[in-house]
Amino acid sequence: MSGEEVIGEAAGPDGARVVLLARVWHDKVLRDHAELDGYLPDVLRAVGAPDHIEPDPVYEHRTRFHLRGAGPSRWLLVVVSYEQEPARIISAFGNRKDPRSWSA
């Protein structure tokens, strides 16, 4: 991460430091999900105060954070990778469907 611009940071519910790199936000998240432009604070809030958390179904060291009623859709889903230190937000997108393991 040396020399990379951090544009956001949050502490996860477990206290772990989670960062969002400028290149990930611009070259990945906004490129793939332009509708998230303007929702950076919600993305960070999804990590710091999520409504639901679940393990990533494919990658062992990744976690999915869900925030209800934020962003451009019913849910805001943010993927955090713990494969490096500090942990990093690697994706974010809106989702209309409830998380698979959600129960209100």
C-alpha atoms as a PDB file:
ATOM      1  CA  MET A   1       0.000   0.000   0.000  1.00  0.00           C
ATOM      2  CA  SER A   2       3.044   2.223   0.252  1.00  0.00           C
ATOM      3  CA  GLY A   3       2.463   5.464  -1.605  1.00  0.00           C
ATOM      4  CA  GLU A   4      -1.172   4.720  -2.468  1.00  0.00           C
ATOM      5  CA  GLU A   5      -3.753   7.382  -1.707  1.00  0.00           C
ATOM      6  CA  VAL A   6      -6.272   6.411   0.956  1.00  0.00           C
ATOM      7  CA  ILE A   7      -9.559   8.275   0.414  1.00  0.00           C
ATOM      8  CA  GLY A   8     -11.513   6.699   3.244  1.00  0.00           C
ATOM      9  CA  GLU A   9     -11.096   4.690   6.395  1.00  0.00           C
ATOM     10  CA  ALA A  10     -13.374   2.941   8.861  1.00  0.00           C
ATOM     11  CA  ALA A  11     -13.030   0.699  11.864  1.00  0.00           C
ATOM     12  CA  GLY A  12     -14.880  -2.561  11.388  1.00  0.00           C
ATOM     13  CA  PRO A  13     -17.131  -3.903  14.152  1.00  0.00           C
ATOM     14  CA  ASP A  14     -14.158  -5.938  15.397  1.00  0.00           C
ATOM     15  CA  GLY A  15     -11.997  -2.788  15.554  1.00  0.00           C
ATOM     16  CA  ALA A  16      -9.888  -3.698  12.529  1.00  0.00           C
ATOM     17  CA  ARG A  17      -8.691  -0.777  10.391  1.00  0.00           C
ATOM     18  CA  VAL A  18     -10.249  -0.881   6.912  1.00  0.00           C
ATOM     19  CA  VAL A  19      -9.092   1.490   4.161  1.00  0.00           C
ATOM     20  CA  LEU A  20     -10.423   2.464   0.768  1.00  0.00           C
ATOM     21  CA  LEU A  21      -7.758   3.244  -1.819  1.00  0.00           C
ATOM     22  CA  ALA A  22      -8.413   5.976  -4.390  1.00  0.00           C
ATOM     23  CA  ARG A  23      -7.527   3.649  -7.271  1.00  0.00           C
ATOM     24  CA  VAL A  24     -10.004   0.994  -6.085  1.00  0.00           C
ATOM     25  CA  TRP A  25     -12.766   3.576  -5.694  1.00  0.00           C
ATOM     26  CA  HIS A  26     -12.209   5.161  -9.111  1.00  0.00           C
ATOM     27  CA  ASP A  27     -10.882   2.263 -11.217  1.00  0.00           C
ATOM     28  CA  LYS A  28     -13.063  -0.524  -9.815  1.00  0.00           C
ATOM     29  CA  VAL A  29     -16.078   0.600  -7.812  1.00  0.00           C
ATOM     30  CA  LEU A  30     -17.123   3.668  -9.825  1.00  0.00           C
ATOM     31  CA  ARG A  31     -16.103   2.123 -13.137  1.00  0.00           C
ATOM     32  CA  ASP A  32     -18.327  -0.901 -12.510  1.00  0.00           C
ATOM     33  CA  HIS A  33     -21.016   0.857 -10.427  1.00  0.00           C
ATOM     34  CA  ALA A  34     -21.172   4.534 -11.423  1.00  0.00           C
ATOM     35  CA  GLU A  35     -24.431   4.835  -9.484  1.00  0.00           C
ATOM     36  CA  LEU A  36     -22.349   4.838  -6.265  1.00  0.00           C
ATOM     37  CA  ASP A  37     -20.819   8.226  -7.100  1.00  0.00           C
ATOM     38  CA  GLY A  38     -21.665  10.417  -4.120  1.00  0.00           C
ATOM     39  CA  TYR A  39     -22.119   7.471  -1.738  1.00  0.00           C
ATOM     40  CA  LEU A  40     -18.567   7.222  -0.349  1.00  0.00           C
ATOM     41  CA  PRO A  41     -19.715   8.070   3.226  1.00  0.00           C
ATOM     42  CA  ASP A  42     -22.323   5.293   3.045  1.00  0.00           C
ATOM     43  CA  VAL A  43     -19.703   2.796   1.848  1.00  0.00           C
ATOM     44  CA  LEU A  44     -17.551   3.586   4.878  1.00  0.00           C
ATOM     45  CA  ARG A  45     -20.592   3.473   7.181  1.00  0.00           C
ATOM     46  CA  ALA A  46     -21.456   0.017   5.845  1.00  0.00           C
ATOM     47  CA  VAL A  47     -18.142  -1.222   7.241  1.00  0.00           C
ATOM     48  CA  GLY A  48     -18.278   0.699  10.519  1.00  0.00           C
ATOM     49  CA  ALA A  49     -21.953   0.173  11.367  1.00  0.00           C
ATOM     50  CA  PRO A  50     -23.372  -2.607   9.175  1.00  0.00           C
ATOM     51  CA  ASP A  51     -26.849  -4.038   9.473  1.00  0.00           C
ATOM     52  CA  HIS A  52     -25.617  -7.475   8.473  1.00  0.00           C
ATOM     53  CA  ILE A  53     -22.242  -9.197   8.064  1.00  0.00           C
ATOM     54  CA  GLU A  54     -21.491 -12.489   6.333  1.00  0.00           C
ATOM     55  CA  PRO A  55     -18.403 -14.325   5.122  1.00  0.00           C
ATOM     56  CA  ASP A  56     -17.677 -14.149   1.417  1.00  0.00           C
ATOM     57  CA  PRO A  57     -18.941 -17.389  -0.148  1.00  0.00           C
ATOM     58  CA  VAL A  58     -15.863 -17.769  -2.364  1.00  0.00           C
ATOM     59  CA  TYR A  59     -12.841 -16.189  -0.667  1.00  0.00           C
ATOM     60  CA  GLU A  60     -11.911 -17.242   2.852  1.00  0.00           C
ATOM     61  CA  HIS A  61     -10.326 -13.949   3.937  1.00  0.00           C
ATOM     62  CA  ARG A  62     -13.085 -11.655   2.702  1.00  0.00           C
ATOM     63  CA  THR A  63     -16.211 -10.416   4.422  1.00  0.00           C
ATOM     64  CA  ARG A  64     -19.407  -8.860   3.073  1.00  0.00           C
ATOM     65  CA  PHE A  65     -20.885  -5.903   4.935  1.00  0.00           C
ATOM     66  CA  HIS A  66     -24.497  -4.932   4.236  1.00  0.00           C
ATOM     67  CA  LEU A  67     -26.135  -1.603   5.060  1.00  0.00           C
ATOM     68  CA  ARG A  68     -29.881  -1.347   4.611  1.00  0.00           C
ATOM     69  CA  GLY A  69     -31.489   1.775   3.159  1.00  0.00           C
ATOM     70  CA  ALA A  70     -28.209   3.345   2.016  1.00  0.00           C
ATOM     71  CA  GLY A  71     -26.863   3.970  -1.437  1.00  0.00           C
ATOM     72  CA  PRO A  72     -28.876   3.758  -4.635  1.00  0.00           C
ATOM     73  CA  SER A  73     -30.685   0.533  -3.800  1.00  0.00           C
ATOM     74  CA  ARG A  74     -32.352  -1.335  -0.937  1.00  0.00           C
ATOM     75  CA  TRP A  75     -29.009  -2.615   0.378  1.00  0.00           C
ATOM     76  CA  LEU A  76     -25.438  -1.402   0.022  1.00  0.00           C
ATOM     77  CA  LEU A  77     -23.020  -4.332  -0.109  1.00  0.00           C
ATOM     78  CA  VAL A  78     -19.331  -3.698   0.601  1.00  0.00           C
ATOM     79  CA  VAL A  79     -16.661  -6.390   0.258  1.00  0.00           C
ATOM     80  CA  VAL A  80     -13.597  -6.159   2.513  1.00  0.00           C
ATOM     81  CA  SER A  81     -10.430  -8.178   1.989  1.00  0.00           C
ATOM     82  CA  TYR A  82      -8.428  -9.131   5.077  1.00  0.00           C
ATOM     83  CA  GLU A  83      -5.683 -10.644   2.901  1.00  0.00           C
ATOM     84  CA  GLN A  84      -3.388  -7.692   3.684  1.00  0.00           C
ATOM     85  CA  GLU A  85      -2.781  -5.188   6.475  1.00  0.00           C
ATOM     86  CA  PRO A  86      -4.657  -2.917   6.800  1.00  0.00           C
ATOM     87  CA  ALA A  87      -7.786  -4.569   5.444  1.00  0.00           C
ATOM     88  CA  ARG A  88      -9.134  -3.034   2.223  1.00  0.00           C
ATOM     89  CA  ILE A  89     -12.483  -2.346   0.665  1.00  0.00           C
ATOM     90  CA  ILE A  90     -12.261  -4.084  -2.694  1.00  0.00           C
ATOM     91  CA  SER A  91     -15.802  -3.722  -4.032  1.00  0.00           C
ATOM     92  CA  ALA A  92     -19.129  -2.055  -3.336  1.00  0.00           C
ATOM     93  CA  PHE A  93     -22.486  -2.094  -5.059  1.00  0.00           C
ATOM     94  CA  GLY A  94     -26.195  -1.683  -4.508  1.00  0.00           C
ATOM     95  CA  ASN A  95     -28.384  -4.758  -4.163  1.00  0.00           C
ATOM     96  CA  ARG A  96     -32.179  -5.065  -4.091  1.00  0.00           C
ATOM     97  CA  LYS A  97     -32.204  -8.561  -2.609  1.00  0.00           C
ATOM     98  CA  ASP A  98     -31.836  -9.350   1.069  1.00  0.00           C
ATOM     99  CA  PRO A  99     -28.546 -11.047   2.006  1.00  0.00           C
ATOM    100  CA  ARG A 100     -28.778 -14.854   1.835  1.00  0.00           C
ATOM    101  CA  SER A 101     -28.451 -15.296   5.572  1.00  0.00           C
ATOM    102  CA  TRP A 102     -30.579 -12.257   6.528  1.00  0.00           C
ATOM    103  CA  SER A 103     -33.531 -12.547   8.825  1.00  0.00           C
ATOM    104  CA  ALA A 104     -35.233  -9.396  10.045  1.00  0.00           C
END
